[in-house]
PDB file of all heavy atoms in Angstrom:
ATOM      1  N   THR A   1      31.283 155.009  89.833  1.00  0.00           N
ATOM      2  CA  THR A   1      31.468 155.684  88.544  1.00  0.00           C
ATOM      3  C   THR A   1      32.766 156.475  88.437  1.00  0.00           C
ATOM      4  O   THR A   1      32.944 157.216  87.469  1.00  0.00           O
ATOM      5  CB  THR A   1      30.281 156.637  88.288  1.00  0.00           C
ATOM      6  OG1 THR A   1      30.195 157.585  89.355  1.00  0.00           O
ATOM      7  CG2 THR A   1      28.971 155.862  88.188  1.00  0.00           C
ATOM      8  N   ALA A   2      33.664 156.317  89.405  1.00  0.00           N
ATOM      9  CA  ALA A   2      34.950 157.030  89.349  1.00  0.00           C
ATOM     10  C   ALA A   2      35.870 156.279  88.377  1.00  0.00           C
ATOM     11  O   ALA A   2      36.620 155.382  88.776  1.00  0.00           O
ATOM     12  CB  ALA A   2      35.565 157.126  90.738  1.00  0.00           C
ATOM     13  N   VAL A   3      35.791 156.658  87.114  1.00  0.00           N
ATOM     14  CA  VAL A   3      36.448 155.898  86.044  1.00  0.00           C
ATOM     15  C   VAL A   3      37.951 155.790  86.260  1.00  0.00           C
ATOM     16  O   VAL A   3      38.534 154.701  86.148  1.00  0.00           O
ATOM     17  CB  VAL A   3      36.137 156.547  84.679  1.00  0.00           C
ATOM     18  CG1 VAL A   3      36.906 155.844  83.567  1.00  0.00           C
ATOM     19  CG2 VAL A   3      34.641 156.493  84.403  1.00  0.00           C
ATOM     20  N   ASP A   4      38.596 156.891  86.579  1.00  0.00           N
ATOM     21  CA  ASP A   4      40.054 156.857  86.747  1.00  0.00           C
ATOM     22  C   ASP A   4      40.451 156.221  88.077  1.00  0.00           C
ATOM     23  O   ASP A   4      41.427 155.462  88.149  1.00  0.00           O
ATOM     24  CB  ASP A   4      40.622 158.271  86.648  1.00  0.00           C
ATOM     25  CG  ASP A   4      40.472 158.853  85.249  1.00  0.00           C
ATOM     26  OD1 ASP A   4      40.464 158.074  84.277  1.00  0.00           O
ATOM     27  OD2 ASP A   4      40.316 160.084  85.130  1.00  0.00           O
ATOM     28  N   ALA A   5      39.709 156.501  89.140  1.00  0.00           N
ATOM     29  CA  ALA A   5      40.023 155.916  90.440  1.00  0.00           C
ATOM     30  C   ALA A   5      39.890 154.400  90.422  1.00  0.00           C
ATOM     31  O   ALA A   5      40.529 153.699  91.220  1.00  0.00           O
ATOM     32  CB  ALA A   5      39.122 156.511  91.518  1.00  0.00           C
ATOM     33  N   ALA A   6      39.078 153.872  89.509  1.00  0.00           N
ATOM     34  CA  ALA A   6      38.916 152.418  89.407  1.00  0.00           C
ATOM     35  C   ALA A   6      40.202 151.724  88.995  1.00  0.00           C
ATOM     36  O   ALA A   6      40.334 150.511  89.172  1.00  0.00           O
ATOM     37  CB  ALA A   6      37.804 152.080  88.416  1.00  0.00           C
ATOM     38  N   GLU A   7      41.157 152.480  88.457  1.00  0.00           N
ATOM     39  CA  GLU A   7      42.437 151.902  88.058  1.00  0.00           C
ATOM     40  C   GLU A   7      43.369 151.689  89.251  1.00  0.00           C
ATOM     41  O   GLU A   7      44.390 151.009  89.132  1.00  0.00           O
ATOM     42  CB  GLU A   7      43.123 152.799  87.026  1.00  0.00           C
ATOM     43  CG  GLU A   7      42.330 153.021  85.746  1.00  0.00           C
ATOM     44  CD  GLU A   7      42.222 151.770  84.887  1.00  0.00           C
ATOM     45  OE1 GLU A   7      43.131 150.934  84.936  1.00  0.00           O
ATOM     46  OE2 GLU A   7      41.204 151.620  84.179  1.00  0.00           O
ATOM     47  N   THR A   8      43.052 152.263  90.404  1.00  0.00           N
ATOM     48  CA  THR A   8      43.876 152.095  91.604  1.00  0.00           C
ATOM     49  C   THR A   8      43.477 150.819  92.334  1.00  0.00           C
ATOM     50  O   THR A   8      42.419 150.234  92.075  1.00  0.00           O
ATOM     51  CB  THR A   8      43.711 153.298  92.542  1.00  0.00           C
ATOM     52  OG1 THR A   8      42.365 153.309  93.064  1.00  0.00           O
ATOM     53  CG2 THR A   8      43.966 154.611  91.801  1.00  0.00           C
ATOM     54  N   LEU A   9      44.308 150.394  93.310  1.00  0.00           N
ATOM     55  CA  LEU A   9      44.034 149.158  94.033  1.00  0.00           C
ATOM     56  C   LEU A   9      42.705 149.218  94.770  1.00  0.00           C
ATOM     57  O   LEU A   9      41.854 148.335  94.620  1.00  0.00           O
ATOM     58  CB  LEU A   9      45.173 148.864  95.012  1.00  0.00           C
ATOM     59  CG  LEU A   9      44.998 147.594  95.867  1.00  0.00           C
ATOM     60  CD1 LEU A   9      44.890 146.357  94.977  1.00  0.00           C
ATOM     61  CD2 LEU A   9      46.172 147.454  96.841  1.00  0.00           C
ATOM     62  N   ASP A  10      42.514 150.260  95.576  1.00  0.00           N
ATOM     63  CA  ASP A  10      41.266 150.379  96.339  1.00  0.00           C
ATOM     64  C   ASP A  10      40.079 150.595  95.412  1.00  0.00           C
ATOM     65  O   ASP A  10      38.998 150.019  95.616  1.00  0.00           O
ATOM     66  CB  ASP A  10      41.371 151.534  97.347  1.00  0.00           C
ATOM     67  CG  ASP A  10      42.294 151.192  98.503  1.00  0.00           C
ATOM     68  OD1 ASP A  10      42.579 149.993  98.712  1.00  0.00           O
ATOM     69  OD2 ASP A  10      42.727 152.132  99.210  1.00  0.00           O
ATOM     70  N   GLY A  11      40.264 151.430  94.419  1.00  0.00           N
ATOM     71  CA  GLY A  11      39.179 151.705  93.489  1.00  0.00           C
ATOM     72  C   GLY A  11      38.768 150.475  92.711  1.00  0.00           C
ATOM     73  O   GLY A  11      37.579 150.249  92.469  1.00  0.00           O
ATOM     74  N   ARG A  12      39.749 149.662  92.335  1.00  0.00           N
ATOM     75  CA  ARG A  12      39.445 148.444  91.575  1.00  0.00           C
ATOM     76  C   ARG A  12      38.580 147.503  92.405  1.00  0.00           C
ATOM     77  O   ARG A  12      37.589 146.950  91.913  1.00  0.00           O
ATOM     78  CB  ARG A  12      40.749 147.758  91.165  1.00  0.00           C
ATOM     79  CG  ARG A  12      40.549 146.496  90.351  1.00  0.00           C
ATOM     80  CD  ARG A  12      41.814 146.089  89.611  1.00  0.00           C
ATOM     81  NE  ARG A  12      42.937 145.865  90.506  1.00  0.00           N
ATOM     82  CZ  ARG A  12      44.012 146.645  90.571  1.00  0.00           C
ATOM     83  NH1 ARG A  12      44.100 147.730  89.807  1.00  0.00           N
ATOM     84  NH2 ARG A  12      44.999 146.357  91.392  1.00  0.00           N
ATOM     85  N   ARG A  13      38.932 147.339  93.671  1.00  0.00           N
ATOM     86  CA  ARG A  13      38.143 146.453  94.542  1.00  0.00           C
ATOM     87  C   ARG A  13      36.719 146.974  94.716  1.00  0.00           C
ATOM     88  O   ARG A  13      35.747 146.209  94.663  1.00  0.00           O
ATOM     89  CB  ARG A  13      38.837 146.325  95.893  1.00  0.00           C
ATOM     90  CG  ARG A  13      40.134 145.522  95.834  1.00  0.00           C
ATOM     91  CD  ARG A  13      40.874 145.566  97.141  1.00  0.00           C
ATOM     92  NE  ARG A  13      42.039 144.687  97.127  1.00  0.00           N
ATOM     93  CZ  ARG A  13      42.991 144.690  98.053  1.00  0.00           C
ATOM     94  NH1 ARG A  13      42.901 145.544  99.072  1.00  0.00           N
ATOM     95  NH2 ARG A  13      44.004 143.863  97.972  1.00  0.00           N
ATOM     96  N   THR A  14      36.602 148.276  94.943  1.00  0.00           N
ATOM     97  CA  THR A  14      35.275 148.858  95.143  1.00  0.00           C
ATOM     98  C   THR A  14      34.440 148.766  93.872  1.00  0.00           C
ATOM     99  O   THR A  14      33.237 148.462  93.914  1.00  0.00           O
ATOM    100  CB  THR A  14      35.395 150.323  95.581  1.00  0.00           C
ATOM    101  OG1 THR A  14      36.205 150.396  96.757  1.00  0.00           O
ATOM    102  CG2 THR A  14      34.033 150.923  95.883  1.00  0.00           C
ATOM    103  N   ALA A  15      35.061 149.023  92.728  1.00  0.00           N
ATOM    104  CA  ALA A  15      34.340 148.983  91.455  1.00  0.00           C
ATOM    105  C   ALA A  15      33.830 147.581  91.160  1.00  0.00           C
ATOM    106  O   ALA A  15      32.687 147.398  90.721  1.00  0.00           O
ATOM    107  CB  ALA A  15      35.240 149.471  90.323  1.00  0.00           C
ATOM    108  N   TRP A  16      34.659 146.575  91.395  1.00  0.00           N
ATOM    109  CA  TRP A  16      34.218 145.204  91.135  1.00  0.00           C
ATOM    110  C   TRP A  16      33.082 144.804  92.071  1.00  0.00           C
ATOM    111  O   TRP A  16      32.142 144.110  91.667  1.00  0.00           O
ATOM    112  CB  TRP A  16      35.391 144.228  91.257  1.00  0.00           C
ATOM    113  CG  TRP A  16      36.177 144.129  89.980  1.00  0.00           C
ATOM    114  CD1 TRP A  16      37.363 144.726  89.680  1.00  0.00           C
ATOM    115  CD2 TRP A  16      35.798 143.397  88.804  1.00  0.00           C
ATOM    116  NE1 TRP A  16      37.750 144.425  88.396  1.00  0.00           N
ATOM    117  CE2 TRP A  16      36.817 143.605  87.842  1.00  0.00           C
ATOM    118  CE3 TRP A  16      34.719 142.595  88.481  1.00  0.00           C
ATOM    119  CZ2 TRP A  16      36.758 143.027  86.569  1.00  0.00           C
ATOM    120  CZ3 TRP A  16      34.657 142.019  87.213  1.00  0.00           C
ATOM    121  CH2 TRP A  16      35.677 142.243  86.282  1.00  0.00           C
ATOM    122  N   ALA A  17      33.154 145.245  93.313  1.00  0.00           N
ATOM    123  CA  ALA A  17      32.090 144.905  94.261  1.00  0.00           C
ATOM    124  C   ALA A  17      30.777 145.569  93.868  1.00  0.00           C
ATOM    125  O   ALA A  17      29.719 144.920  93.835  1.00  0.00           O
ATOM    126  CB  ALA A  17      32.497 145.323  95.677  1.00  0.00           C
ATOM    127  N   ALA A  18      30.826 146.867  93.569  1.00  0.00           N
ATOM    128  CA  ALA A  18      29.597 147.622  93.290  1.00  0.00           C
ATOM    129  C   ALA A  18      29.034 147.345  91.912  1.00  0.00           C
ATOM    130  O   ALA A  18      27.806 147.260  91.742  1.00  0.00           O
ATOM    131  CB  ALA A  18      29.871 149.118  93.449  1.00  0.00           C
ATOM    132  N   ASN A  19      29.897 147.221  90.912  1.00  0.00           N
ATOM    133  CA  ASN A  19      29.430 147.145  89.523  1.00  0.00           C
ATOM    134  C   ASN A  19      29.275 145.731  88.986  1.00  0.00           C
ATOM    135  O   ASN A  19      28.608 145.530  87.968  1.00  0.00           O
ATOM    136  CB  ASN A  19      30.400 147.900  88.609  1.00  0.00           C
ATOM    137  CG  ASN A  19      30.444 149.384  88.912  1.00  0.00           C
ATOM    138  OD1 ASN A  19      29.565 149.917  89.583  1.00  0.00           O
ATOM    139  ND2 ASN A  19      31.482 150.054  88.432  1.00  0.00           N
ATOM    140  N   ALA A  20      29.871 144.751  89.642  1.00  0.00           N
ATOM    141  CA  ALA A  20      29.786 143.370  89.161  1.00  0.00           C
ATOM    142  C   ALA A  20      29.158 142.444  90.191  1.00  0.00           C
ATOM    143  O   ALA A  20      28.171 141.763  89.907  1.00  0.00           O
ATOM    144  CB  ALA A  20      31.176 142.866  88.778  1.00  0.00           C
ATOM    145  N   ALA A  21      29.710 142.434  91.420  1.00  0.00           N
ATOM    146  CA  ALA A  21      29.191 141.513  92.443  1.00  0.00           C
ATOM    147  C   ALA A  21      27.766 141.875  92.858  1.00  0.00           C
ATOM    148  O   ALA A  21      26.910 140.998  92.996  1.00  0.00           O
ATOM    149  CB  ALA A  21      30.121 141.502  93.649  1.00  0.00           C
ATOM    150  N   ALA A  22      27.506 143.164  93.081  1.00  0.00           N
ATOM    151  CA  ALA A  22      26.161 143.585  93.511  1.00  0.00           C
ATOM    152  C   ALA A  22      25.102 143.256  92.459  1.00  0.00           C
ATOM    153  O   ALA A  22      24.041 142.700  92.794  1.00  0.00           O
ATOM    154  CB  ALA A  22      26.153 145.064  93.860  1.00  0.00           C
ATOM    155  N   PRO A  23      25.307 143.565  91.167  1.00  0.00           N
ATOM    156  CA  PRO A  23      24.325 143.147  90.161  1.00  0.00           C
ATOM    157  C   PRO A  23      24.122 141.633  90.107  1.00  0.00           C
ATOM    158  O   PRO A  23      22.995 141.167  89.883  1.00  0.00           O
ATOM    159  CB  PRO A  23      24.914 143.681  88.854  1.00  0.00           C
ATOM    160  CG  PRO A  23      25.736 144.851  89.263  1.00  0.00           C
ATOM    161  CD  PRO A  23      26.329 144.455  90.589  1.00  0.00           C
ATOM    162  N   ALA A  24      25.194 140.860  90.311  1.00  0.00           N
ATOM    163  CA  ALA A  24      25.045 139.407  90.316  1.00  0.00           C
ATOM    164  C   ALA A  24      24.152 138.959  91.465  1.00  0.00           C
ATOM    165  O   ALA A  24      23.305 138.067  91.309  1.00  0.00           O
ATOM    166  CB  ALA A  24      26.415 138.740  90.414  1.00  0.00           C
ATOM    167  N   THR A  25      24.311 139.596  92.620  1.00  0.00           N
ATOM    168  CA  THR A  25      23.457 139.281  93.768  1.00  0.00           C
ATOM    169  C   THR A  25      22.010 139.649  93.479  1.00  0.00           C
ATOM    170  O   THR A  25      21.082 138.882  93.767  1.00  0.00           O
ATOM    171  CB  THR A  25      23.951 140.026  95.017  1.00  0.00           C
ATOM    172  OG1 THR A  25      25.253 139.548  95.354  1.00  0.00           O
ATOM    173  CG2 THR A  25      23.012 139.810  96.195  1.00  0.00           C
ATOM    174  N   LEU A  26      21.779 140.814  92.892  1.00  0.00           N
ATOM    175  CA  LEU A  26      20.413 141.246  92.579  1.00  0.00           C
ATOM    176  C   LEU A  26      19.770 140.328  91.543  1.00  0.00           C
ATOM    177  O   LEU A  26      18.568 140.046  91.620  1.00  0.00           O
ATOM    178  CB  LEU A  26      20.420 142.691  92.091  1.00  0.00           C
ATOM    179  CG  LEU A  26      20.759 143.744  93.146  1.00  0.00           C
ATOM    180  CD1 LEU A  26      20.912 145.121  92.500  1.00  0.00           C
ATOM    181  CD2 LEU A  26      19.680 143.793  94.233  1.00  0.00           C
ATOM    182  N   ALA A  27      20.542 139.864  90.588  1.00  0.00           N
ATOM    183  CA  ALA A  27      19.998 138.939  89.587  1.00  0.00           C
ATOM    184  C   ALA A  27      19.573 137.631  90.252  1.00  0.00           C
ATOM    185  O   ALA A  27      18.520 137.070  89.926  1.00  0.00           O
ATOM    186  CB  ALA A  27      21.030 138.679  88.495  1.00  0.00           C
ATOM    187  N   ARG A  28      20.384 137.145  91.183  1.00  0.00           N
ATOM    188  CA  ARG A  28      20.012 135.928  91.910  1.00  0.00           C
ATOM    189  C   ARG A  28      18.730 136.148  92.705  1.00  0.00           C
ATOM    190  O   ARG A  28      17.826 135.296  92.710  1.00  0.00           O
ATOM    191  CB  ARG A  28      21.148 135.510  92.848  1.00  0.00           C
ATOM    192  CG  ARG A  28      20.760 134.370  93.788  1.00  0.00           C
ATOM    193  CD  ARG A  28      21.909 133.979  94.704  1.00  0.00           C
ATOM    194  NE  ARG A  28      22.353 135.054  95.564  1.00  0.00           N
ATOM    195  CZ  ARG A  28      21.734 135.412  96.700  1.00  0.00           C
ATOM    196  NH1 ARG A  28      20.629 134.792  97.085  1.00  0.00           N
ATOM    197  NH2 ARG A  28      22.233 136.387  97.448  1.00  0.00           N
ATOM    198  N   LEU A  29      18.626 137.282  93.371  1.00  0.00           N
ATOM    199  CA  LEU A  29      17.433 137.581  94.159  1.00  0.00           C
ATOM    200  C   LEU A  29      16.202 137.723  93.266  1.00  0.00           C
ATOM    201  O   LEU A  29      15.098 137.327  93.648  1.00  0.00           O
ATOM    202  CB  LEU A  29      17.661 138.862  94.968  1.00  0.00           C
ATOM    203  CG  LEU A  29      18.716 138.756  96.073  1.00  0.00           C
ATOM    204  CD1 LEU A  29      19.107 140.143  96.566  1.00  0.00           C
ATOM    205  CD2 LEU A  29      18.212 137.895  97.226  1.00  0.00           C
ATOM    206  N   SER A  30      16.390 138.279  92.082  1.00  0.00           N
ATOM    207  CA  SER A  30      15.287 138.404  91.137  1.00  0.00           C
ATOM    208  C   SER A  30      14.779 137.026  90.731  1.00  0.00           C
ATOM    209  O   SER A  30      13.564 136.806  90.624  1.00  0.00           O
ATOM    210  CB  SER A  30      15.733 139.191  89.900  1.00  0.00           C
ATOM    211  OG  SER A  30      14.739 139.203  88.908  1.00  0.00           O
ATOM    212  N   ARG A  31      15.681 136.094  90.507  1.00  0.00           N
ATOM    213  CA  ARG A  31      15.270 134.725  90.167  1.00  0.00           C
ATOM    214  C   ARG A  31      14.526 134.079  91.338  1.00  0.00           C
ATOM    215  O   ARG A  31      13.529 133.391  91.145  1.00  0.00           O
ATOM    216  CB  ARG A  31      16.496 133.875  89.810  1.00  0.00           C
ATOM    217  CG  ARG A  31      17.215 134.298  88.541  1.00  0.00           C
ATOM    218  CD  ARG A  31      18.194 133.229  88.069  1.00  0.00           C
ATOM    219  NE  ARG A  31      19.216 132.919  89.062  1.00  0.00           N
ATOM    220  CZ  ARG A  31      20.367 133.567  89.192  1.00  0.00           C
ATOM    221  NH1 ARG A  31      20.636 134.598  88.391  1.00  0.00           N
ATOM    222  NH2 ARG A  31      21.253 133.207  90.091  1.00  0.00           N
ATOM    223  N   GLU A  32      15.012 134.300  92.542  1.00  0.00           N
ATOM    224  CA  GLU A  32      14.433 133.640  93.711  1.00  0.00           C
ATOM    225  C   GLU A  32      13.080 134.217  94.108  1.00  0.00           C
ATOM    226  O   GLU A  32      12.186 133.479  94.538  1.00  0.00           O
ATOM    227  CB  GLU A  32      15.396 133.757  94.901  1.00  0.00           C
ATOM    228  CG  GLU A  32      16.686 132.965  94.729  1.00  0.00           C
ATOM    229  CD  GLU A  32      17.659 133.181  95.871  1.00  0.00           C
ATOM    230  OE1 GLU A  32      17.318 133.957  96.809  1.00  0.00           O
ATOM    231  OE2 GLU A  32      18.753 132.598  95.845  1.00  0.00           O
ATOM    232  N   HIS A  33      12.920 135.543  93.963  1.00  0.00           N
ATOM    233  CA  HIS A  33      11.722 136.208  94.476  1.00  0.00           C
ATOM    234  C   HIS A  33      10.788 136.709  93.376  1.00  0.00           C
ATOM    235  O   HIS A  33       9.704 137.209  93.691  1.00  0.00           O
ATOM    236  CB  HIS A  33      12.123 137.362  95.397  1.00  0.00           C
ATOM    237  CG  HIS A  33      12.873 136.916  96.615  1.00  0.00           C
ATOM    238  ND1 HIS A  33      12.238 136.397  97.724  1.00  0.00           N
ATOM    239  CD2 HIS A  33      14.204 136.877  96.891  1.00  0.00           C
ATOM    240  CE1 HIS A  33      13.139 136.077  98.633  1.00  0.00           C
ATOM    241  NE2 HIS A  33      14.342 136.349  98.157  1.00  0.00           N
ATOM    242  N   GLY A  34      11.203 136.614  92.135  1.00  0.00           N
ATOM    243  CA  GLY A  34      10.308 136.930  91.031  1.00  0.00           C
ATOM    244  C   GLY A  34      10.109 138.396  90.732  1.00  0.00           C
ATOM    245  O   GLY A  34       9.234 138.751  89.951  1.00  0.00           O
ATOM    246  N   PHE A  35      10.908 139.285  91.324  1.00  0.00           N
ATOM    247  CA  PHE A  35      10.718 140.703  91.015  1.00  0.00           C
ATOM    248  C   PHE A  35      11.403 141.068  89.699  1.00  0.00           C
ATOM    249  O   PHE A  35      12.341 140.399  89.245  1.00  0.00           O
ATOM    250  CB  PHE A  35      11.198 141.607  92.158  1.00  0.00           C
ATOM    251  CG  PHE A  35      12.657 141.484  92.547  1.00  0.00           C
ATOM    252  CD1 PHE A  35      13.669 142.008  91.752  1.00  0.00           C
ATOM    253  CD2 PHE A  35      13.019 140.875  93.748  1.00  0.00           C
ATOM    254  CE1 PHE A  35      15.006 141.927  92.118  1.00  0.00           C
ATOM    255  CE2 PHE A  35      14.353 140.774  94.134  1.00  0.00           C
ATOM    256  CZ  PHE A  35      15.351 141.302  93.315  1.00  0.00           C
ATOM    257  N   THR A  36      10.898 142.124  89.080  1.00  0.00           N
ATOM    258  CA  THR A  36      11.527 142.674  87.876  1.00  0.00           C
ATOM    259  C   THR A  36      12.712 143.529  88.303  1.00  0.00           C
ATOM    260  O   THR A  36      12.597 144.358  89.207  1.00  0.00           O
ATOM    261  CB  THR A  36      10.532 143.521  87.079  1.00  0.00           C
ATOM    262  OG1 THR A  36       9.452 142.686  86.646  1.00  0.00           O
ATOM    263  CG2 THR A  36      11.192 144.151  85.854  1.00  0.00           C
ATOM    264  N   LEU A  37      13.843 143.340  87.662  1.00  0.00           N
ATOM    265  CA  LEU A  37      15.072 144.049  87.999  1.00  0.00           C
ATOM    266  C   LEU A  37      15.449 144.983  86.851  1.00  0.00           C
ATOM    267  O   LEU A  37      15.552 144.552  85.702  1.00  0.00           O
ATOM    268  CB  LEU A  37      16.198 143.043  88.245  1.00  0.00           C
ATOM    269  CG  LEU A  37      17.596 143.615  88.506  1.00  0.00           C
ATOM    270  CD1 LEU A  37      17.613 144.508  89.743  1.00  0.00           C
ATOM    271  CD2 LEU A  37      18.606 142.470  88.654  1.00  0.00           C
ATOM    272  N   VAL A  38      15.635 146.265  87.182  1.00  0.00           N
ATOM    273  CA  VAL A  38      16.109 147.245  86.205  1.00  0.00           C
ATOM    274  C   VAL A  38      17.504 147.690  86.635  1.00  0.00           C
ATOM    275  O   VAL A  38      17.721 148.087  87.793  1.00  0.00           O
ATOM    276  CB  VAL A  38      15.170 148.460  86.120  1.00  0.00           C
ATOM    277  CG1 VAL A  38      15.697 149.453  85.067  1.00  0.00           C
ATOM    278  CG2 VAL A  38      13.753 148.020  85.770  1.00  0.00           C
ATOM    279  N   HIS A  39      18.437 147.625  85.707  1.00  0.00           N
ATOM    280  CA  HIS A  39      19.833 147.962  85.989  1.00  0.00           C
ATOM    281  C   HIS A  39      20.332 148.912  84.896  1.00  0.00           C
ATOM    282  O   HIS A  39      19.865 148.859  83.754  1.00  0.00           O
ATOM    283  CB  HIS A  39      20.675 146.689  86.019  1.00  0.00           C
ATOM    284  CG  HIS A  39      22.131 146.905  86.298  1.00  0.00           C
ATOM    285  ND1 HIS A  39      22.612 147.266  87.537  1.00  0.00           N
ATOM    286  CD2 HIS A  39      23.213 146.820  85.479  1.00  0.00           C
ATOM    287  CE1 HIS A  39      23.931 147.373  87.486  1.00  0.00           C
ATOM    288  NE2 HIS A  39      24.314 147.117  86.245  1.00  0.00           N
ATOM    289  N   TYR A  40      21.302 149.731  85.246  1.00  0.00           N
ATOM    290  CA  TYR A  40      21.777 150.760  84.319  1.00  0.00           C
ATOM    291  C   TYR A  40      23.272 150.549  84.052  1.00  0.00           C
ATOM    292  O   TYR A  40      24.069 150.388  84.978  1.00  0.00           O
ATOM    293  CB  TYR A  40      21.507 152.158  84.896  1.00  0.00           C
ATOM    294  CG  TYR A  40      20.041 152.358  85.179  1.00  0.00           C
ATOM    295  CD1 TYR A  40      19.502 152.018  86.423  1.00  0.00           C
ATOM    296  CD2 TYR A  40      19.173 152.814  84.195  1.00  0.00           C
ATOM    297  CE1 TYR A  40      18.147 152.156  86.679  1.00  0.00           C
ATOM    298  CE2 TYR A  40      17.818 152.952  84.435  1.00  0.00           C
ATOM    299  CZ  TYR A  40      17.307 152.627  85.676  1.00  0.00           C
ATOM    300  OH  TYR A  40      15.964 152.744  85.924  1.00  0.00           O
ATOM    301  N   SER A  41      23.608 150.562  82.775  1.00  0.00           N
ATOM    302  CA  SER A  41      24.982 150.305  82.378  1.00  0.00           C
ATOM    303  C   SER A  41      25.513 151.464  81.542  1.00  0.00           C
ATOM    304  O   SER A  41      24.925 152.548  81.516  1.00  0.00           O
ATOM    305  CB  SER A  41      25.073 148.983  81.625  1.00  0.00           C
ATOM    306  OG  SER A  41      26.422 148.645  81.370  1.00  0.00           O
TER     307      SER A  41
END
């Protein structure tokens, strides 16, 4: 959630991993295992 730090090189990589890649992984796991997934945006 570090909005300004996300504009830096390291922050951009961390933000994409946590806010985009991780939810994509959880969505895949939800499809595979049938659990309900709640996410906050």
